[in-house]
Amino acid sequence: MEPWQWPEEEWRRRVGHIRAGRSLKPESWPDGKRCAVALSFDSDHETNELRDGGNSIGRMSWGQYGHRVGVPRILDILKREGVPASFFVPAVAAKLYPDEQRRVIAEGHEIGLHGWIHEVNSTLPEAIERDLHFRAADALEEITGVRAVGMRTPSWDFSAATLKIQRELGLVYDSSLMADNDPYELVEDGEPTGIVELPVEWIRDDAPYFNMNRFQALRPYTPPTAVLDIFLREFEGAHAEGGLFLLTMHPHVTGYRSRLFILEELIRAAKAKGDCWFATHADIARHCAKGLKPRS
């Protein structure tokens, strides 16, 4: 049947499978702070090429730049500014660069799940997706000594089984969906799950503004100063509303001399407010989970 032929129960079923439930925006952030700032970095490295079965040495060298230059520069900025962040790392990238992951943890940051090889998880059969997520969780724990409590799916999307798999993994939060600006509870087929969603958005992601693929005529079109302006406006809105500002960046995208100032300026702008809480995704999710009181 074509979608326009579906009976009402079919389109309601599709829409209703995974939904945003209760808002988990807290009445206050820790220590009376007005706004939570969640900086995150998707350390994809070579897996952007590997996940499609590619052999491009050039694209894999671009991924290596993320490890060789991008991550160290980012960690140096975070250390200098004294702010924590979350890194979402495919297991293959973590196994390629285990010392990078150990440094991330040693410096007080969080590592979250980001698939096995940056696979498009939303297209996989359930058994394969489950196997890859569990293998990834085990691999990251083996490397870092810390069990991940959150996930950002590689596709920024869910299959019909993703949330069920996250519940089996015992995750505290997800950060892949986009139903709000502020944290909310994920609901599966009408059932509250207790999993906190920390929503992402392409507007607050560096990749759409800077990605490059010459064979697909894809060219960066936004100057770094304009990207900073967009991110600052998103931050100012979150601060005005007393909510969450969540930013996604990629070491192989932002880790360049002409772009790193964006991260530095954002941190300085948030610090200048004097009332922002810089925290990992895990700490923010745990704080928001306090609002998950049983329904009467």
Protein backbone atom coordinates (compact mmCIF):
# COMPACT_ATOMS: atom_id res chain seq x y z
CA MET A 1 0.00 0.00 0.00
CA GLU A 2 1.08 3.55 -0.67
CA PRO A 3 1.26 5.89 2.36
CA TRP A 4 -1.81 7.75 1.15
CA GLN A 5 -3.68 4.42 1.25
CA TRP A 6 -2.78 3.59 4.84
CA PRO A 7 -5.61 3.17 7.32
CA GLU A 8 -5.51 5.54 10.26
CA GLU A 9 -4.13 2.91 12.62
CA GLU A 10 -1.05 2.46 10.41
CA TRP A 11 0.10 6.07 10.34
CA ARG A 12 -0.75 6.45 14.01
CA ARG A 13 1.31 3.33 14.77
CA ARG A 14 4.34 4.69 12.91
CA VAL A 15 4.15 8.11 14.53
CA GLY A 16 3.46 6.68 17.97
CA HIS A 17 6.27 4.10 18.17
CA ILE A 18 8.91 6.44 19.64
CA ARG A 19 7.74 9.77 21.03
CA ALA A 20 8.83 12.58 23.26
CA GLY A 21 7.22 12.18 26.65
CA ARG A 22 7.46 14.33 29.75
CA SER A 23 9.72 17.34 29.59
CA LEU A 24 12.67 16.82 31.90
CA LYS A 25 13.82 20.41 31.85
CA PRO A 26 14.57 20.92 35.54
CA GLU A 27 13.28 23.78 37.61
CA SER A 28 16.89 24.65 38.32
CA TRP A 29 20.36 23.50 37.37
CA PRO A 30 22.99 22.64 40.02
CA ASP A 31 24.20 25.48 42.24
CA GLY A 32 21.46 27.75 40.95
CA LYS A 33 22.90 27.96 37.44
CA ARG A 34 20.57 29.26 34.76
CA CYS A 35 21.74 27.27 31.73
CA ALA A 36 23.38 23.87 31.12
CA VAL A 37 26.11 23.75 28.47
CA ALA A 38 26.78 20.32 26.95
CA LEU A 39 29.73 20.26 24.57
CA SER A 40 30.09 17.08 22.56
CA PHE A 41 32.51 15.76 19.97
CA ASP A 42 31.82 12.87 17.61
CA SER A 43 35.26 11.30 17.12
CA ASP A 44 34.44 9.39 13.95
CA HIS A 45 37.96 9.41 12.49
CA GLU A 46 38.40 6.85 9.68
CA THR A 47 35.02 5.18 10.25
CA ASN A 48 33.25 7.67 7.98
CA GLU A 49 35.05 5.98 5.09
CA LEU A 50 35.18 2.45 6.50
CA ARG A 51 31.46 2.14 7.23
CA ASP A 52 30.67 2.39 3.50
CA GLY A 53 33.34 -0.15 2.61
CA GLY A 54 35.52 2.60 1.17
CA ASN A 55 39.21 2.47 0.34
CA SER A 56 39.90 6.17 -0.14
CA ILE A 57 43.30 6.89 1.36
CA GLY A 58 42.54 10.59 1.14
CA ARG A 59 39.33 10.36 3.14
CA MET A 60 40.96 8.09 5.72
CA SER A 61 43.78 10.61 6.10
CA TRP A 62 41.08 13.22 6.78
CA GLY A 63 39.82 10.94 9.54
CA GLN A 64 43.35 10.51 10.88
CA TYR A 65 43.59 14.31 11.12
CA GLY A 66 40.77 14.15 13.65
CA HIS A 67 42.89 11.93 15.88
CA ARG A 68 46.31 13.37 15.11
CA VAL A 69 45.43 17.08 15.33
CA GLY A 70 41.76 17.69 16.09
CA VAL A 71 41.30 15.80 19.35
CA PRO A 72 44.56 17.02 20.94
CA ARG A 73 43.72 20.62 20.10
CA ILE A 74 40.20 20.25 21.47
CA LEU A 75 41.43 18.58 24.66
CA ASP A 76 43.97 21.34 25.14
CA ILE A 77 41.24 23.99 24.88
CA LEU A 78 38.97 22.13 27.29
CA LYS A 79 41.83 21.72 29.76
CA ARG A 80 42.82 25.36 29.52
CA GLU A 81 39.22 26.49 30.03
CA GLY A 82 38.52 23.89 32.71
CA VAL A 83 35.31 22.56 31.19
CA PRO A 84 34.16 18.95 30.74
CA ALA A 85 32.74 17.48 27.55
CA SER A 86 31.38 14.27 26.07
CA PHE A 87 33.02 12.34 23.23
CA PHE A 88 30.99 9.86 21.18
CA VAL A 89 33.32 7.30 19.65
CA PRO A 90 32.68 4.37 17.28
CA ALA A 91 34.30 1.25 18.69
CA VAL A 92 36.53 0.82 15.64
CA ALA A 93 37.89 4.36 16.11
CA ALA A 94 38.47 3.63 19.79
CA LYS A 95 40.33 0.42 18.97
CA LEU A 96 42.46 2.24 16.40
CA TYR A 97 43.39 4.89 18.98
CA PRO A 98 43.00 3.48 22.49
CA ASP A 99 45.42 5.96 24.05
CA GLU A 100 43.24 8.82 22.81
CA GLN A 101 40.26 7.39 24.66
CA ARG A 102 42.27 6.87 27.82
CA ARG A 103 43.40 10.48 27.71
CA VAL A 104 39.81 11.66 27.26
CA ILE A 105 38.73 9.76 30.36
CA ALA A 106 41.83 10.70 32.36
CA GLU A 107 41.12 14.39 31.77
CA GLY A 108 37.62 14.12 33.22
CA HIS A 109 35.51 13.82 30.10
CA GLU A 110 32.90 11.25 29.12
CA ILE A 111 32.93 8.71 26.30
CA GLY A 112 29.57 7.58 24.95
CA LEU A 113 28.50 4.94 22.46
CA HIS A 114 28.52 5.81 18.75
CA GLY A 115 28.13 2.44 17.08
CA TRP A 116 30.70 -0.12 16.02
CA ILE A 117 32.03 1.27 12.72
CA HIS A 118 29.72 4.29 12.39
CA GLU A 119 27.23 2.00 10.67
CA VAL A 120 23.85 3.33 9.58
CA ASN A 121 22.15 1.58 12.48
CA SER A 122 18.64 2.58 11.44
CA THR A 123 18.83 0.30 8.37
CA LEU A 124 20.08 -2.85 10.11
CA PRO A 125 18.19 -6.00 11.13
CA GLU A 126 17.50 -6.01 14.86
CA ALA A 127 19.87 -8.86 15.70
CA ILE A 128 22.78 -7.22 13.90
CA GLU A 129 22.12 -3.80 15.41
CA ARG A 130 21.95 -5.32 18.90
CA ASP A 131 25.18 -7.23 18.39
CA LEU A 132 27.04 -4.13 17.19
CA HIS A 133 25.82 -1.91 20.03
CA PHE A 134 26.71 -4.49 22.67
CA ARG A 135 30.10 -5.19 21.09
CA ALA A 136 30.76 -1.47 21.00
CA ALA A 137 29.85 -1.06 24.68
CA ASP A 138 32.15 -3.93 25.64
CA ALA A 139 35.03 -2.58 23.53
CA LEU A 140 34.83 0.93 24.99
CA GLU A 141 34.71 -0.48 28.52
CA GLU A 142 37.69 -2.72 27.86
CA ILE A 143 39.73 0.24 26.57
CA THR A 144 38.72 2.88 29.12
CA GLY A 145 37.67 0.89 32.17
CA VAL A 146 34.37 2.80 32.18
CA ARG A 147 31.01 1.47 31.02
CA ALA A 148 29.25 3.99 28.77
CA VAL A 149 25.86 5.20 30.04
CA GLY A 150 24.74 7.09 26.95
CA MET A 151 24.49 6.72 23.20
CA ARG A 152 24.48 8.91 20.14
CA THR A 153 23.47 6.67 17.28
CA PRO A 154 25.79 6.84 14.25
CA SER A 155 22.87 7.72 11.97
CA TRP A 156 21.26 10.25 14.34
CA ASP A 157 18.23 8.04 13.89
CA PHE A 158 16.51 5.01 15.38
CA SER A 159 15.47 1.75 13.85
CA ALA A 160 12.31 0.18 15.19
CA ALA A 161 14.53 -1.71 17.68
CA THR A 162 17.06 0.93 18.78
CA LEU A 163 15.29 2.10 21.90
CA LYS A 164 14.62 -1.48 22.99
CA ILE A 165 18.34 -2.20 22.61
CA GLN A 166 19.23 0.89 24.62
CA ARG A 167 16.96 -0.31 27.41
CA GLU A 168 18.65 -3.72 27.34
CA LEU A 169 22.00 -1.96 27.64
CA GLY A 170 20.73 -0.13 30.71
CA LEU A 171 21.56 3.30 29.31
CA VAL A 172 20.76 6.46 31.22
CA TYR A 173 20.34 8.64 28.16
CA ASP A 174 20.25 8.97 24.40
CA SER A 175 21.39 11.96 22.33
CA SER A 176 20.20 11.29 18.79
CA LEU A 177 16.69 12.71 18.40
CA MET A 178 15.22 16.15 17.89
CA ALA A 179 11.73 16.57 19.39
CA ASP A 180 12.64 19.47 21.70
CA ASN A 181 15.38 21.89 22.66
CA ASP A 182 15.47 20.64 26.24
CA PRO A 183 15.70 17.17 27.79
CA TYR A 184 12.69 14.88 27.72
CA GLU A 185 11.76 11.29 28.51
CA LEU A 186 11.58 8.79 25.66
CA VAL A 187 8.29 6.94 25.30
CA GLU A 188 8.04 3.63 23.44
CA ASP A 189 4.61 2.53 22.21
CA GLY A 190 3.00 4.68 24.89
CA GLU A 191 5.21 3.38 27.71
CA PRO A 192 7.56 5.80 29.52
CA THR A 193 11.03 4.30 29.41
CA GLY A 194 12.97 6.31 31.99
CA ILE A 195 15.60 7.09 29.36
CA VAL A 196 16.52 10.76 29.12
CA GLU A 197 16.77 12.27 25.65
CA LEU A 198 19.32 15.07 25.29
CA PRO A 199 18.24 16.35 21.88
CA VAL A 200 20.61 17.17 19.05
CA GLU A 201 19.89 19.36 16.03
CA TRP A 202 21.66 19.84 12.70
CA ILE A 203 21.61 23.59 13.40
CA ARG A 204 23.92 22.95 16.38
CA ASP A 205 26.30 20.66 14.46
CA ASP A 206 29.43 21.80 12.64
CA ALA A 207 29.32 19.19 9.86
CA PRO A 208 26.39 20.56 7.78
CA TYR A 209 28.17 23.89 7.45
CA PHE A 210 31.66 22.61 6.64
CA ASN A 211 31.44 19.16 5.01
CA MET A 212 33.20 18.69 1.69
CA ASN A 213 32.89 16.03 -1.04
CA ARG A 214 34.24 17.11 -4.39
CA PHE A 215 32.79 14.13 -6.25
CA GLN A 216 29.28 15.04 -5.13
CA ALA A 217 29.78 18.76 -5.71
CA LEU A 218 29.35 19.30 -1.97
CA ARG A 219 31.19 22.43 -0.91
CA PRO A 220 31.34 24.32 2.39
CA TYR A 221 29.16 27.39 2.02
CA THR A 222 29.13 28.98 5.47
CA PRO A 223 32.03 31.09 6.76
CA PRO A 224 33.25 30.15 10.27
CA THR A 225 32.19 33.56 11.59
CA ALA A 226 28.62 32.87 10.43
CA VAL A 227 28.65 29.45 12.09
CA LEU A 228 29.79 31.08 15.33
CA ASP A 229 26.93 33.55 15.02
CA ILE A 230 24.39 30.74 14.61
CA PHE A 231 25.78 28.83 17.58
CA LEU A 232 25.85 31.96 19.75
CA ARG A 233 22.22 32.71 18.91
CA GLU A 234 21.29 29.15 19.87
CA PHE A 235 23.19 29.58 23.13
CA GLU A 236 21.59 32.94 23.90
CA GLY A 237 18.16 31.42 23.36
CA ALA A 238 18.92 28.51 25.68
CA HIS A 239 20.24 30.88 28.32
CA ALA A 240 17.21 33.17 28.07
CA GLU A 241 14.90 30.17 28.56
CA GLY A 242 16.96 28.64 31.34
CA GLY A 243 17.42 25.50 29.30
CA LEU A 244 20.01 23.27 27.67
CA PHE A 245 22.58 24.31 25.07
CA LEU A 246 23.90 21.15 23.43
CA LEU A 247 26.52 21.45 20.70
CA THR A 248 27.92 18.72 18.44
CA MET A 249 31.32 19.12 16.79
CA HIS A 250 33.69 16.77 14.99
CA PRO A 251 37.47 16.78 15.49
CA HIS A 252 38.08 16.24 11.76
CA VAL A 253 35.77 19.15 10.92
CA THR A 254 36.37 21.77 13.62
CA GLY A 255 39.97 20.94 14.50
CA TYR A 256 41.45 23.43 12.04
CA ARG A 257 43.24 26.71 12.73
CA SER A 258 40.50 28.76 11.12
CA ARG A 259 37.65 27.05 12.99
CA LEU A 260 38.79 26.25 16.52
CA PHE A 261 38.06 29.82 17.58
CA ILE A 262 34.36 28.92 17.36
CA LEU A 263 34.71 26.55 20.31
CA GLU A 264 36.85 29.02 22.22
CA GLU A 265 34.44 31.92 21.68
CA LEU A 266 31.43 29.84 22.71
CA ILE A 267 33.09 28.80 25.95
CA ARG A 268 34.08 32.38 26.69
CA ALA A 269 30.57 33.67 25.94
CA ALA A 270 29.02 31.10 28.29
CA LYS A 271 31.56 31.82 31.02
CA ALA A 272 30.91 35.54 30.70
CA LYS A 273 27.30 34.98 31.74
CA GLY A 274 28.52 33.77 35.12
CA ASP A 275 25.62 31.36 35.56
CA CYS A 276 26.22 28.47 33.16
CA TRP A 277 26.80 24.87 34.20
CA PHE A 278 29.31 23.09 31.96
CA ALA A 279 28.73 19.37 32.30
CA THR A 280 29.01 16.04 30.52
CA HIS A 281 25.94 14.59 28.91
CA ALA A 282 25.90 11.89 31.59
CA ASP A 283 25.85 14.41 34.44
CA ILE A 284 23.12 16.46 32.77
CA ALA A 285 21.03 13.35 32.12
CA ARG A 286 21.37 12.20 35.73
CA HIS A 287 20.33 15.62 36.99
CA CYS A 288 17.30 15.63 34.68
CA ALA A 289 16.40 12.07 35.63
CA LYS A 290 15.56 13.34 39.09
CA GLY A 291 12.36 14.56 37.48
CA LEU A 292 11.36 11.00 36.58
CA LYS A 293 9.10 10.51 39.54
CA PRO A 294 6.63 7.63 39.28
CA ARG A 295 3.30 8.56 37.77
CA SER A 296 0.36 8.50 40.14
